[in-house]
PDB file of all heavy atoms in Angstrom:
ATOM      1  N   PHE A   1      -6.309 -41.536   9.555  1.00  0.00           N
ATOM      2  CA  PHE A   1      -7.303 -40.571   9.100  1.00  0.00           C
ATOM      3  C   PHE A   1      -8.169 -41.251   8.051  1.00  0.00           C
ATOM      4  O   PHE A   1      -7.641 -41.838   7.093  1.00  0.00           O
ATOM      5  CB  PHE A   1      -6.644 -39.343   8.460  1.00  0.00           C
ATOM      6  CG  PHE A   1      -6.161 -38.297   9.424  1.00  0.00           C
ATOM      7  CD1 PHE A   1      -5.772 -38.619  10.713  1.00  0.00           C
ATOM      8  CD2 PHE A   1      -6.065 -36.962   9.035  1.00  0.00           C
ATOM      9  CE1 PHE A   1      -5.307 -37.653  11.594  1.00  0.00           C
ATOM     10  CE2 PHE A   1      -5.613 -35.987   9.900  1.00  0.00           C
ATOM     11  CZ  PHE A   1      -5.229 -36.324  11.185  1.00  0.00           C
ATOM     12  N   VAL A   2      -9.489 -41.199   8.215  1.00  0.00           N
ATOM     13  CA  VAL A   2     -10.423 -41.680   7.199  1.00  0.00           C
ATOM     14  C   VAL A   2     -11.217 -40.472   6.720  1.00  0.00           C
ATOM     15  O   VAL A   2     -11.989 -39.878   7.476  1.00  0.00           O
ATOM     16  CB  VAL A   2     -11.365 -42.767   7.732  1.00  0.00           C
ATOM     17  CG1 VAL A   2     -12.318 -43.231   6.629  1.00  0.00           C
ATOM     18  CG2 VAL A   2     -10.561 -43.954   8.270  1.00  0.00           C
ATOM     19  N   HIS A   3     -11.015 -40.122   5.473  1.00  0.00           N
ATOM     20  CA  HIS A   3     -11.534 -38.880   4.917  1.00  0.00           C
ATOM     21  C   HIS A   3     -12.614 -39.188   3.880  1.00  0.00           C
ATOM     22  O   HIS A   3     -12.363 -39.910   2.909  1.00  0.00           O
ATOM     23  CB  HIS A   3     -10.365 -38.118   4.274  1.00  0.00           C
ATOM     24  CG  HIS A   3     -10.734 -36.818   3.646  1.00  0.00           C
ATOM     25  ND1 HIS A   3     -10.035 -36.271   2.608  1.00  0.00           N
ATOM     26  CD2 HIS A   3     -11.739 -35.956   3.912  1.00  0.00           C
ATOM     27  CE1 HIS A   3     -10.590 -35.123   2.260  1.00  0.00           C
ATOM     28  NE2 HIS A   3     -11.625 -34.919   3.034  1.00  0.00           N
ATOM     29  N   VAL A   4     -13.802 -38.659   4.091  1.00  0.00           N
ATOM     30  CA  VAL A   4     -14.912 -38.843   3.159  1.00  0.00           C
ATOM     31  C   VAL A   4     -15.056 -37.583   2.317  1.00  0.00           C
ATOM     32  O   VAL A   4     -15.116 -36.472   2.853  1.00  0.00           O
ATOM     33  CB  VAL A   4     -16.222 -39.125   3.928  1.00  0.00           C
ATOM     34  CG1 VAL A   4     -17.432 -38.894   3.033  1.00  0.00           C
ATOM     35  CG2 VAL A   4     -16.229 -40.552   4.448  1.00  0.00           C
ATOM     36  N   THR A   5     -15.097 -37.751   0.993  1.00  0.00           N
ATOM     37  CA  THR A   5     -15.208 -36.594   0.113  1.00  0.00           C
ATOM     38  C   THR A   5     -15.787 -36.997  -1.235  1.00  0.00           C
ATOM     39  O   THR A   5     -15.701 -38.161  -1.637  1.00  0.00           O
ATOM     40  CB  THR A   5     -13.836 -35.918  -0.093  1.00  0.00           C
ATOM     41  OG1 THR A   5     -13.981 -34.763  -0.921  1.00  0.00           O
ATOM     42  CG2 THR A   5     -12.844 -36.877  -0.759  1.00  0.00           C
ATOM     43  N   HIS A   6     -16.372 -36.020  -1.931  1.00  0.00           N
ATOM     44  CA  HIS A   6     -16.788 -36.218  -3.319  1.00  0.00           C
ATOM     45  C   HIS A   6     -15.806 -35.540  -4.259  1.00  0.00           C
ATOM     46  O   HIS A   6     -15.945 -35.631  -5.480  1.00  0.00           O
ATOM     47  CB  HIS A   6     -18.191 -35.633  -3.553  1.00  0.00           C
ATOM     48  CG  HIS A   6     -18.228 -34.137  -3.454  1.00  0.00           C
ATOM     49  ND1 HIS A   6     -18.336 -33.490  -2.247  1.00  0.00           N
ATOM     50  CD2 HIS A   6     -18.140 -33.168  -4.394  1.00  0.00           C
ATOM     51  CE1 HIS A   6     -18.317 -32.168  -2.454  1.00  0.00           C
ATOM     52  NE2 HIS A   6     -18.197 -31.954  -3.748  1.00  0.00           N
ATOM     53  N   ASP A   7     -14.801 -34.857  -3.699  1.00  0.00           N
ATOM     54  CA  ASP A   7     -13.841 -34.073  -4.471  1.00  0.00           C
ATOM     55  C   ASP A   7     -12.638 -34.942  -4.844  1.00  0.00           C
ATOM     56  O   ASP A   7     -11.840 -35.320  -3.989  1.00  0.00           O
ATOM     57  CB  ASP A   7     -13.396 -32.857  -3.642  1.00  0.00           C
ATOM     58  CG  ASP A   7     -12.543 -31.877  -4.426  1.00  0.00           C
ATOM     59  OD1 ASP A   7     -11.567 -32.307  -5.059  1.00  0.00           O
ATOM     60  OD2 ASP A   7     -12.847 -30.668  -4.401  1.00  0.00           O
ATOM     61  N   GLN A   8     -12.503 -35.234  -6.149  1.00  0.00           N
ATOM     62  CA  GLN A   8     -11.444 -36.134  -6.598  1.00  0.00           C
ATOM     63  C   GLN A   8     -10.056 -35.582  -6.312  1.00  0.00           C
ATOM     64  O   GLN A   8      -9.157 -36.305  -5.860  1.00  0.00           O
ATOM     65  CB  GLN A   8     -11.583 -36.400  -8.115  1.00  0.00           C
ATOM     66  CG  GLN A   8     -12.919 -36.976  -8.517  1.00  0.00           C
ATOM     67  CD  GLN A   8     -13.900 -35.914  -8.973  1.00  0.00           C
ATOM     68  OE1 GLN A   8     -13.982 -34.831  -8.405  1.00  0.00           O
ATOM     69  NE2 GLN A   8     -14.665 -36.226 -10.005  1.00  0.00           N
ATOM     70  N   GLU A   9      -9.863 -34.286  -6.569  1.00  0.00           N
ATOM     71  CA  GLU A   9      -8.559 -33.680  -6.331  1.00  0.00           C
ATOM     72  C   GLU A   9      -8.183 -33.748  -4.859  1.00  0.00           C
ATOM     73  O   GLU A   9      -7.033 -34.011  -4.504  1.00  0.00           O
ATOM     74  CB  GLU A   9      -8.556 -32.227  -6.811  1.00  0.00           C
ATOM     75  CG  GLU A   9      -7.224 -31.524  -6.578  1.00  0.00           C
ATOM     76  CD  GLU A   9      -7.271 -30.051  -6.940  1.00  0.00           C
ATOM     77  OE1 GLU A   9      -7.518 -29.752  -8.124  1.00  0.00           O
ATOM     78  OE2 GLU A   9      -7.067 -29.213  -6.041  1.00  0.00           O
ATOM     79  N   GLU A  10      -9.163 -33.516  -3.999  1.00  0.00           N
ATOM     80  CA  GLU A  10      -8.928 -33.563  -2.562  1.00  0.00           C
ATOM     81  C   GLU A  10      -8.451 -34.943  -2.132  1.00  0.00           C
ATOM     82  O   GLU A  10      -7.485 -35.090  -1.377  1.00  0.00           O
ATOM     83  CB  GLU A  10     -10.229 -33.200  -1.856  1.00  0.00           C
ATOM     84  CG  GLU A  10     -10.104 -32.853  -0.398  1.00  0.00           C
ATOM     85  CD  GLU A  10     -11.418 -32.278   0.116  1.00  0.00           C
ATOM     86  OE1 GLU A  10     -11.775 -31.141  -0.273  1.00  0.00           O
ATOM     87  OE2 GLU A  10     -12.095 -32.979   0.879  1.00  0.00           O
ATOM     88  N   ALA A  11      -9.133 -35.983  -2.619  1.00  0.00           N
ATOM     89  CA  ALA A  11      -8.750 -37.353  -2.261  1.00  0.00           C
ATOM     90  C   ALA A  11      -7.363 -37.695  -2.782  1.00  0.00           C
ATOM     91  O   ALA A  11      -6.538 -38.281  -2.067  1.00  0.00           O
ATOM     92  CB  ALA A  11      -9.781 -38.337  -2.813  1.00  0.00           C
ATOM     93  N   MET A  12      -7.078 -37.328  -4.016  1.00  0.00           N
ATOM     94  CA  MET A  12      -5.802 -37.692  -4.622  1.00  0.00           C
ATOM     95  C   MET A  12      -4.641 -36.923  -4.016  1.00  0.00           C
ATOM     96  O   MET A  12      -3.522 -37.432  -3.931  1.00  0.00           O
ATOM     97  CB  MET A  12      -5.867 -37.477  -6.131  1.00  0.00           C
ATOM     98  CG  MET A  12      -6.856 -38.406  -6.829  1.00  0.00           C
ATOM     99  SD  MET A  12      -6.985 -38.098  -8.593  1.00  0.00           S
ATOM    100  CE  MET A  12      -5.394 -38.684  -9.158  1.00  0.00           C
ATOM    101  N   THR A  13      -4.890 -35.692  -3.582  1.00  0.00           N
ATOM    102  CA  THR A  13      -3.823 -34.870  -3.006  1.00  0.00           C
ATOM    103  C   THR A  13      -3.382 -35.389  -1.638  1.00  0.00           C
ATOM    104  O   THR A  13      -2.190 -35.413  -1.327  1.00  0.00           O
ATOM    105  CB  THR A  13      -4.302 -33.412  -2.858  1.00  0.00           C
ATOM    106  OG1 THR A  13      -4.618 -32.888  -4.146  1.00  0.00           O
ATOM    107  CG2 THR A  13      -3.239 -32.542  -2.205  1.00  0.00           C
ATOM    108  N   MET A  14      -4.347 -35.840  -0.832  1.00  0.00           N
ATOM    109  CA  MET A  14      -4.033 -36.147   0.563  1.00  0.00           C
ATOM    110  C   MET A  14      -3.859 -37.625   0.873  1.00  0.00           C
ATOM    111  O   MET A  14      -3.054 -37.993   1.735  1.00  0.00           O
ATOM    112  CB  MET A  14      -5.137 -35.580   1.464  1.00  0.00           C
ATOM    113  CG  MET A  14      -5.209 -34.070   1.456  1.00  0.00           C
ATOM    114  SD  MET A  14      -6.313 -33.418   2.738  1.00  0.00           S
ATOM    115  CE  MET A  14      -7.899 -33.957   2.128  1.00  0.00           C
ATOM    116  N   ALA A  15      -4.610 -38.494   0.227  1.00  0.00           N
ATOM    117  CA  ALA A  15      -4.716 -39.880   0.686  1.00  0.00           C
ATOM    118  C   ALA A  15      -3.572 -40.766   0.188  1.00  0.00           C
ATOM    119  O   ALA A  15      -3.092 -40.610  -0.934  1.00  0.00           O
ATOM    120  CB  ALA A  15      -6.052 -40.471   0.246  1.00  0.00           C
ATOM    121  N   ASP A  16      -3.170 -41.703   1.046  1.00  0.00           N
ATOM    122  CA  ASP A  16      -2.268 -42.775   0.624  1.00  0.00           C
ATOM    123  C   ASP A  16      -3.034 -43.792  -0.212  1.00  0.00           C
ATOM    124  O   ASP A  16      -2.520 -44.326  -1.192  1.00  0.00           O
ATOM    125  CB  ASP A  16      -1.677 -43.495   1.838  1.00  0.00           C
ATOM    126  CG  ASP A  16      -1.030 -42.547   2.819  1.00  0.00           C
ATOM    127  OD1 ASP A  16      -0.247 -41.684   2.375  1.00  0.00           O
ATOM    128  OD2 ASP A  16      -1.321 -42.649   4.031  1.00  0.00           O
ATOM    129  N   THR A  17      -4.263 -44.074   0.217  1.00  0.00           N
ATOM    130  CA  THR A  17      -5.125 -45.054  -0.451  1.00  0.00           C
ATOM    131  C   THR A  17      -6.510 -44.448  -0.614  1.00  0.00           C
ATOM    132  O   THR A  17      -7.019 -43.788   0.289  1.00  0.00           O
ATOM    133  CB  THR A  17      -5.231 -46.348   0.375  1.00  0.00           C
ATOM    134  OG1 THR A  17      -3.913 -46.856   0.623  1.00  0.00           O
ATOM    135  CG2 THR A  17      -6.049 -47.401  -0.362  1.00  0.00           C
ATOM    136  N   VAL A  18      -7.111 -44.694  -1.784  1.00  0.00           N
ATOM    137  CA  VAL A  18      -8.449 -44.185  -2.087  1.00  0.00           C
ATOM    138  C   VAL A  18      -9.354 -45.362  -2.424  1.00  0.00           C
ATOM    139  O   VAL A  18      -8.975 -46.242  -3.202  1.00  0.00           O
ATOM    140  CB  VAL A  18      -8.426 -43.199  -3.273  1.00  0.00           C
ATOM    141  CG1 VAL A  18      -9.836 -42.714  -3.603  1.00  0.00           C
ATOM    142  CG2 VAL A  18      -7.505 -42.017  -2.975  1.00  0.00           C
ATOM    143  N   ALA A  19     -10.545 -45.380  -1.821  1.00  0.00           N
ATOM    144  CA  ALA A  19     -11.583 -46.341  -2.197  1.00  0.00           C
ATOM    145  C   ALA A  19     -12.687 -45.565  -2.898  1.00  0.00           C
ATOM    146  O   ALA A  19     -13.290 -44.666  -2.309  1.00  0.00           O
ATOM    147  CB  ALA A  19     -12.132 -47.058  -0.973  1.00  0.00           C
ATOM    148  N   VAL A  20     -12.937 -45.880  -4.167  1.00  0.00           N
ATOM    149  CA  VAL A  20     -13.996 -45.216  -4.923  1.00  0.00           C
ATOM    150  C   VAL A  20     -15.291 -45.995  -4.710  1.00  0.00           C
ATOM    151  O   VAL A  20     -15.361 -47.195  -5.019  1.00  0.00           O
ATOM    152  CB  VAL A  20     -13.652 -45.148  -6.426  1.00  0.00           C
ATOM    153  CG1 VAL A  20     -14.784 -44.453  -7.195  1.00  0.00           C
ATOM    154  CG2 VAL A  20     -12.342 -44.406  -6.640  1.00  0.00           C
ATOM    155  N   MET A  21     -16.304 -45.311  -4.160  1.00  0.00           N
ATOM    156  CA  MET A  21     -17.575 -45.951  -3.858  1.00  0.00           C
ATOM    157  C   MET A  21     -18.646 -45.562  -4.875  1.00  0.00           C
ATOM    158  O   MET A  21     -18.664 -44.443  -5.383  1.00  0.00           O
ATOM    159  CB  MET A  21     -18.050 -45.596  -2.450  1.00  0.00           C
ATOM    160  CG  MET A  21     -17.239 -46.216  -1.340  1.00  0.00           C
ATOM    161  SD  MET A  21     -18.062 -46.073   0.286  1.00  0.00           S
ATOM    162  CE  MET A  21     -19.442 -47.223   0.096  1.00  0.00           C
ATOM    163  N   ASN A  22     -19.545 -46.506  -5.137  1.00  0.00           N
ATOM    164  CA  ASN A  22     -20.668 -46.279  -6.040  1.00  0.00           C
ATOM    165  C   ASN A  22     -21.795 -47.216  -5.643  1.00  0.00           C
ATOM    166  O   ASN A  22     -21.588 -48.429  -5.539  1.00  0.00           O
ATOM    167  CB  ASN A  22     -20.248 -46.545  -7.494  1.00  0.00           C
ATOM    168  CG  ASN A  22     -21.377 -46.359  -8.478  1.00  0.00           C
ATOM    169  OD1 ASN A  22     -22.255 -45.511  -8.286  1.00  0.00           O
ATOM    170  ND2 ASN A  22     -21.378 -47.146  -9.536  1.00  0.00           N
ATOM    171  N   ALA A  23     -22.960 -46.653  -5.373  1.00  0.00           N
ATOM    172  CA  ALA A  23     -24.162 -47.430  -5.052  1.00  0.00           C
ATOM    173  C   ALA A  23     -23.914 -48.408  -3.901  1.00  0.00           C
ATOM    174  O   ALA A  23     -24.345 -49.561  -3.943  1.00  0.00           O
ATOM    175  CB  ALA A  23     -24.647 -48.182  -6.285  1.00  0.00           C
ATOM    176  N   GLY A  24     -23.215 -47.942  -2.861  1.00  0.00           N
ATOM    177  CA  GLY A  24     -23.032 -48.737  -1.662  1.00  0.00           C
ATOM    178  C   GLY A  24     -21.917 -49.752  -1.712  1.00  0.00           C
ATOM    179  O   GLY A  24     -21.700 -50.488  -0.739  1.00  0.00           O
ATOM    180  N   ARG A  25     -21.194 -49.809  -2.809  1.00  0.00           N
ATOM    181  CA  ARG A  25     -20.094 -50.773  -2.959  1.00  0.00           C
ATOM    182  C   ARG A  25     -18.814 -50.060  -3.380  1.00  0.00           C
ATOM    183  O   ARG A  25     -18.860 -48.936  -3.886  1.00  0.00           O
ATOM    184  CB  ARG A  25     -20.443 -51.833  -4.014  1.00  0.00           C
ATOM    185  CG  ARG A  25     -21.566 -52.782  -3.596  1.00  0.00           C
ATOM    186  CD  ARG A  25     -21.886 -53.762  -4.727  1.00  0.00           C
ATOM    187  NE  ARG A  25     -22.852 -54.761  -4.325  1.00  0.00           N
ATOM    188  CZ  ARG A  25     -22.537 -55.949  -3.824  1.00  0.00           C
ATOM    189  NH1 ARG A  25     -21.259 -56.276  -3.674  1.00  0.00           N
ATOM    190  NH2 ARG A  25     -23.466 -56.807  -3.479  1.00  0.00           N
ATOM    191  N   ILE A  26     -17.691 -50.743  -3.190  1.00  0.00           N
ATOM    192  CA  ILE A  26     -16.408 -50.197  -3.627  1.00  0.00           C
ATOM    193  C   ILE A  26     -16.143 -50.644  -5.064  1.00  0.00           C
ATOM    194  O   ILE A  26     -16.083 -51.838  -5.354  1.00  0.00           O
ATOM    195  CB  ILE A  26     -15.271 -50.637  -2.697  1.00  0.00           C
ATOM    196  CG1 ILE A  26     -15.442 -49.981  -1.325  1.00  0.00           C
ATOM    197  CG2 ILE A  26     -13.911 -50.260  -3.287  1.00  0.00           C
ATOM    198  CD1 ILE A  26     -14.414 -50.382  -0.312  1.00  0.00           C
ATOM    199  N   GLU A  27     -15.985 -49.667  -5.956  1.00  0.00           N
ATOM    200  CA  GLU A  27     -15.676 -49.959  -7.349  1.00  0.00           C
ATOM    201  C   GLU A  27     -14.213 -50.362  -7.514  1.00  0.00           C
ATOM    202  O   GLU A  27     -13.886 -51.267  -8.264  1.00  0.00           O
ATOM    203  CB  GLU A  27     -15.961 -48.732  -8.217  1.00  0.00           C
ATOM    204  CG  GLU A  27     -17.416 -48.402  -8.397  1.00  0.00           C
ATOM    205  CD  GLU A  27     -18.006 -49.013  -9.664  1.00  0.00           C
ATOM    206  OE1 GLU A  27     -17.246 -49.317 -10.600  1.00  0.00           O
ATOM    207  OE2 GLU A  27     -19.236 -49.185  -9.697  1.00  0.00           O
ATOM    208  N   GLN A  28     -13.324 -49.639  -6.813  1.00  0.00           N
ATOM    209  CA  GLN A  28     -11.892 -49.918  -6.923  1.00  0.00           C
ATOM    210  C   GLN A  28     -11.180 -49.279  -5.752  1.00  0.00           C
ATOM    211  O   GLN A  28     -11.587 -48.221  -5.256  1.00  0.00           O
ATOM    212  CB  GLN A  28     -11.335 -49.378  -8.242  1.00  0.00           C
ATOM    213  CG  GLN A  28      -9.898 -49.801  -8.548  1.00  0.00           C
ATOM    214  CD  GLN A  28      -9.418 -49.327  -9.913  1.00  0.00           C
ATOM    215  OE1 GLN A  28     -10.185 -48.739 -10.673  1.00  0.00           O
ATOM    216  NE2 GLN A  28      -8.162 -49.573 -10.228  1.00  0.00           N
ATOM    217  N   LEU A  29     -10.118 -49.914  -5.302  1.00  0.00           N
ATOM    218  CA  LEU A  29      -9.316 -49.430  -4.182  1.00  0.00           C
ATOM    219  C   LEU A  29      -7.850 -49.490  -4.568  1.00  0.00           C
ATOM    220  O   LEU A  29      -7.381 -50.493  -5.123  1.00  0.00           O
ATOM    221  CB  LEU A  29      -9.591 -50.275  -2.936  1.00  0.00           C
ATOM    222  CG  LEU A  29      -8.936 -49.881  -1.617  1.00  0.00           C
ATOM    223  CD1 LEU A  29      -9.817 -50.293  -0.441  1.00  0.00           C
ATOM    224  CD2 LEU A  29      -7.558 -50.545  -1.462  1.00  0.00           C
ATOM    225  N   GLY A  30      -7.120 -48.426  -4.283  1.00  0.00           N
ATOM    226  CA  GLY A  30      -5.691 -48.418  -4.577  1.00  0.00           C
ATOM    227  C   GLY A  30      -5.096 -47.051  -4.323  1.00  0.00           C
ATOM    228  O   GLY A  30      -5.747 -46.150  -3.782  1.00  0.00           O
ATOM    229  N   SER A  31      -3.839 -46.873  -4.716  1.00  0.00           N
ATOM    230  CA  SER A  31      -3.199 -45.570  -4.599  1.00  0.00           C
ATOM    231  C   SER A  31      -3.825 -44.616  -5.605  1.00  0.00           C
ATOM    232  O   SER A  31      -4.408 -45.047  -6.613  1.00  0.00           O
ATOM    233  CB  SER A  31      -1.701 -45.690  -4.877  1.00  0.00           C
ATOM    234  OG  SER A  31      -1.484 -46.003  -6.251  1.00  0.00           O
ATOM    235  N   PRO A  32      -3.731 -43.301  -5.361  1.00  0.00           N
ATOM    236  CA  PRO A  32      -4.272 -42.351  -6.340  1.00  0.00           C
ATOM    237  C   PRO A  32      -3.726 -42.574  -7.743  1.00  0.00           C
ATOM    238  O   PRO A  32      -4.473 -42.522  -8.724  1.00  0.00           O
ATOM    239  CB  PRO A  32      -3.850 -40.995  -5.774  1.00  0.00           C
ATOM    240  CG  PRO A  32      -3.785 -41.214  -4.296  1.00  0.00           C
ATOM    241  CD  PRO A  32      -3.254 -42.624  -4.142  1.00  0.00           C
TER     242      PRO A  32
END
C-alpha cells in the first residue's frame, strides 16, 4: 500500500515507513 496524505496522524497511525516530502524532494524517511 502506498498512501499519500497531508495528515500527520493518518500517516503515523497506519504506515510502517513514512517519507516526508517537501518541494519535490524527500526530507527524511523512516519509521513513524
